[in-house]
N, C-alpha and C. Protein backbone atom coordinates (compact mmCIF):
# COMPACT_ATOMS: atom_id res chain seq x y z
N MET A 1 6.61 23.34 -0.72
CA MET A 1 6.89 23.05 0.47
C MET A 1 7.01 21.71 0.74
N SER A 2 8.14 21.42 1.38
CA SER A 2 8.40 19.85 1.61
C SER A 2 8.01 19.66 3.20
N LYS A 3 7.48 18.27 3.34
CA LYS A 3 7.49 17.80 4.66
C LYS A 3 8.76 17.36 5.28
N LYS A 4 8.90 17.40 6.51
CA LYS A 4 9.94 16.77 7.20
C LYS A 4 10.10 15.18 7.04
N LEU A 5 11.23 14.56 6.66
CA LEU A 5 11.31 13.09 6.42
C LEU A 5 11.04 12.39 7.85
N GLU A 6 10.31 11.50 7.72
CA GLU A 6 10.08 10.46 8.85
C GLU A 6 9.89 9.00 8.52
N ASN A 7 10.61 8.26 9.24
CA ASN A 7 10.50 6.71 8.95
C ASN A 7 9.12 6.25 9.42
N ILE A 8 8.68 5.28 8.65
CA ILE A 8 7.19 4.80 9.07
C ILE A 8 7.49 3.32 8.92
N SER A 9 7.18 2.77 10.27
CA SER A 9 7.31 1.15 10.14
C SER A 9 6.13 0.47 9.60
N ILE A 10 6.23 -0.47 8.84
CA ILE A 10 5.25 -1.14 8.29
C ILE A 10 5.25 -2.66 8.42
N GLU A 11 4.10 -3.33 8.10
CA GLU A 11 4.09 -4.78 8.03
C GLU A 11 3.09 -4.85 6.72
N VAL A 12 3.82 -5.86 5.86
CA VAL A 12 2.99 -6.49 4.56
C VAL A 12 2.67 -7.87 4.84
N ASN A 13 1.53 -7.95 5.14
CA ASN A 13 0.90 -9.54 5.00
C ASN A 13 0.09 -9.98 3.95
N GLU A 14 0.57 -11.25 3.44
CA GLU A 14 -0.03 -11.81 2.53
C GLU A 14 -1.43 -12.24 3.04
N LEU A 15 -2.48 -11.87 2.17
CA LEU A 15 -3.83 -12.42 2.15
C LEU A 15 -4.24 -13.70 1.90
N LYS A 16 -4.38 -14.53 2.47
CA LYS A 16 -4.75 -16.41 2.05
C LYS A 16 -6.35 -16.32 1.66
N GLY A 17 -6.57 -17.39 0.80
CA GLY A 17 -7.91 -17.39 0.35
C GLY A 17 -8.53 -16.46 -0.80
N LYS A 18 -7.58 -15.72 -1.25
CA LYS A 18 -8.10 -14.70 -2.22
C LYS A 18 -8.01 -15.63 -3.64
N SER A 19 -8.59 -15.22 -4.76
CA SER A 19 -8.70 -15.83 -6.02
C SER A 19 -7.16 -15.27 -6.84
N ILE A 20 -6.64 -14.03 -6.27
CA ILE A 20 -5.61 -13.54 -6.80
C ILE A 20 -4.51 -13.08 -5.74
N PRO A 21 -3.22 -13.18 -5.94
CA PRO A 21 -2.40 -12.82 -4.98
C PRO A 21 -2.58 -11.44 -4.37
N SER A 22 -2.74 -11.31 -3.12
CA SER A 22 -2.93 -10.08 -2.21
C SER A 22 -2.26 -9.87 -1.04
N TRP A 23 -2.08 -8.78 -0.76
CA TRP A 23 -1.31 -8.09 0.55
C TRP A 23 -1.92 -7.17 0.75
N GLU A 24 -1.78 -6.82 2.39
CA GLU A 24 -2.35 -5.82 3.12
C GLU A 24 -1.18 -5.04 3.86
N VAL A 25 -1.23 -3.87 3.47
CA VAL A 25 0.20 -3.09 4.15
C VAL A 25 -0.43 -2.23 5.38
N ILE A 26 0.12 -2.59 6.58
CA ILE A 26 -0.32 -2.05 7.57
C ILE A 26 0.56 -1.31 8.67
N ILE A 27 0.40 -0.07 9.00
CA ILE A 27 1.22 0.38 10.19
C ILE A 27 0.81 0.03 11.52
N PRO A 28 1.97 -0.82 12.01
CA PRO A 28 1.36 -1.62 13.26
C PRO A 28 0.93 -0.74 14.50
N ASN A 29 -0.13 -1.14 15.22
CA ASN A 29 -0.55 -0.53 16.21
C ASN A 29 -1.38 0.67 16.07
N LYS A 30 -1.55 0.82 14.69
CA LYS A 30 -2.26 1.91 14.27
C LYS A 30 -3.58 1.56 12.81
N LYS A 31 -3.32 1.22 11.81
CA LYS A 31 -4.23 1.02 10.95
C LYS A 31 -3.84 0.64 9.53
N ALA A 32 -4.52 -0.11 8.87
CA ALA A 32 -4.36 -0.56 7.55
C ALA A 32 -4.38 0.45 6.46
N ILE A 33 -3.27 0.75 5.87
CA ILE A 33 -3.31 1.74 4.79
C ILE A 33 -3.81 1.62 3.30
N GLY A 34 -3.66 0.11 3.08
CA GLY A 34 -4.08 -0.27 1.52
C GLY A 34 -4.06 -1.68 1.33
N ILE A 35 -4.46 -2.19 0.53
CA ILE A 35 -4.57 -3.60 -0.04
C ILE A 35 -3.68 -3.50 -1.57
N ILE A 36 -2.98 -4.39 -1.71
CA ILE A 36 -2.12 -4.66 -3.13
C ILE A 36 -2.49 -5.83 -3.71
N GLU A 37 -3.01 -6.01 -4.72
CA GLU A 37 -3.25 -7.05 -5.49
C GLU A 37 -2.55 -7.11 -6.89
N LYS A 38 -2.26 -8.53 -7.22
CA LYS A 38 -1.50 -8.93 -8.79
C LYS A 38 -2.32 -9.07 -9.58
N VAL A 39 -2.57 -8.03 -10.49
CA VAL A 39 -3.76 -8.42 -11.53
C VAL A 39 -3.19 -8.14 -13.03
N GLU A 40 -3.20 -9.24 -13.66
CA GLU A 40 -2.73 -9.04 -15.11
C GLU A 40 -1.04 -8.57 -15.13
N GLY A 41 -0.35 -9.42 -14.29
CA GLY A 41 1.19 -8.82 -14.46
C GLY A 41 1.51 -7.55 -13.80
N ARG A 42 0.79 -6.65 -13.42
CA ARG A 42 0.99 -5.38 -12.61
C ARG A 42 0.08 -5.51 -11.37
N TYR A 43 0.90 -4.58 -10.34
CA TYR A 43 0.46 -4.68 -8.98
C TYR A 43 -0.56 -3.20 -8.77
N ARG A 44 -1.77 -3.81 -8.20
CA ARG A 44 -2.89 -2.61 -8.01
C ARG A 44 -3.00 -2.41 -6.46
N ALA A 45 -2.53 -1.11 -5.99
CA ALA A 45 -2.47 -0.73 -4.78
C ALA A 45 -3.96 0.11 -4.72
N THR A 46 -4.60 -0.25 -3.64
CA THR A 46 -5.94 0.49 -3.29
C THR A 46 -5.98 1.23 -2.21
N THR A 47 -5.95 2.42 -1.78
CA THR A 47 -5.63 2.86 -0.48
C THR A 47 -7.05 2.71 0.43
N ASN A 48 -6.95 2.71 1.41
CA ASN A 48 -8.05 2.38 2.54
C ASN A 48 -9.10 3.40 2.38
N LYS A 49 -8.44 4.60 2.78
CA LYS A 49 -9.16 5.84 3.19
C LYS A 49 -10.02 6.23 2.18
N SER A 50 -9.57 6.48 1.00
CA SER A 50 -10.05 7.25 -0.18
C SER A 50 -10.39 6.23 -1.50
N ASN A 51 -9.88 5.18 -1.09
CA ASN A 51 -9.96 3.94 -2.27
C ASN A 51 -9.59 4.48 -3.83
N ASN A 52 -8.51 5.09 -3.52
CA ASN A 52 -7.72 5.40 -4.91
C ASN A 52 -6.80 4.50 -5.29
N VAL A 53 -6.49 4.29 -6.69
CA VAL A 53 -5.95 2.94 -7.15
C VAL A 53 -4.64 3.51 -7.81
N LEU A 54 -3.41 2.85 -7.58
CA LEU A 54 -2.32 3.00 -7.95
C LEU A 54 -1.72 1.89 -8.72
N PHE A 55 -1.10 2.12 -9.77
CA PHE A 55 -0.54 0.71 -10.43
C PHE A 55 0.98 0.87 -10.57
N SER A 56 1.52 -0.34 -10.17
CA SER A 56 2.97 -0.41 -10.28
C SER A 56 3.61 -1.67 -11.13
N LYS A 57 4.56 -1.81 -11.23
CA LYS A 57 5.28 -3.18 -12.07
C LYS A 57 6.04 -3.98 -10.95
N SER A 58 6.46 -3.69 -9.89
CA SER A 58 6.73 -4.47 -8.83
C SER A 58 6.07 -4.60 -7.60
N LEU A 59 5.90 -5.51 -6.73
CA LEU A 59 5.44 -5.37 -5.16
C LEU A 59 6.12 -4.20 -4.30
N GLU A 60 7.44 -4.18 -4.47
CA GLU A 60 8.28 -3.08 -3.90
C GLU A 60 7.57 -1.96 -4.31
N SER A 61 7.73 -1.52 -5.37
CA SER A 61 7.45 -0.28 -5.89
C SER A 61 5.97 0.00 -5.45
N SER A 62 4.90 -0.98 -5.67
CA SER A 62 3.41 -0.70 -4.97
C SER A 62 3.38 -0.19 -3.86
N ILE A 63 4.25 -0.98 -2.94
CA ILE A 63 4.42 -0.62 -1.46
C ILE A 63 4.87 0.81 -1.14
N ASN A 64 5.94 1.21 -1.83
CA ASN A 64 6.70 2.60 -1.83
C ASN A 64 5.54 3.60 -2.27
N ASP A 65 4.66 3.08 -3.36
CA ASP A 65 3.54 4.21 -3.95
C ASP A 65 2.63 4.06 -2.74
N LEU A 66 2.14 3.47 -2.19
CA LEU A 66 1.09 3.30 -1.33
C LEU A 66 1.48 4.23 -0.17
N LEU A 67 2.81 3.92 0.27
CA LEU A 67 3.47 4.78 1.48
C LEU A 67 3.30 6.31 0.99
N SER A 68 4.02 6.44 -0.16
CA SER A 68 4.22 7.87 -0.32
C SER A 68 2.70 8.54 -0.49
N TYR A 69 1.48 7.72 -0.89
CA TYR A 69 0.20 8.62 -0.92
C TYR A 69 0.05 8.91 0.45
N PHE A 70 0.02 7.66 1.24
CA PHE A 70 -0.39 7.90 2.49
C PHE A 70 0.34 9.31 3.44
N ALA A 71 1.59 9.24 3.19
CA ALA A 71 2.27 10.38 3.84
C ALA A 71 1.97 11.68 3.18
N LEU A 72 1.43 11.83 1.91
CA LEU A 72 1.05 13.08 1.47
C LEU A 72 -0.36 13.40 1.59
N HIS A 73 -1.20 12.18 1.51
CA HIS A 73 -2.68 12.73 1.48
C HIS A 73 -3.42 12.32 2.82
N GLU A 74 -3.15 11.35 3.65
CA GLU A 74 -3.92 10.68 4.36
C GLU A 74 -3.32 10.82 5.81
N LYS A 75 -1.99 11.20 6.00
CA LYS A 75 -1.64 11.30 7.43
C LYS A 75 -2.08 12.19 8.18
């Protein structure tokens, strides 16, 4: 069974003061859905609700993976 397609507006904010490059992915006026960190040349996305970890080769694909996970499992 597939879900109906829906656009999700997001914000990606760089987190300053961290020892590694980090970004927070937020759905405006709702909640943060995860944190993305660049570790050893890969991007590690950690979901806020369940702390699952997803790895990607680029920031864009990591954002997409986090959004897909959110839409399928946490929404």
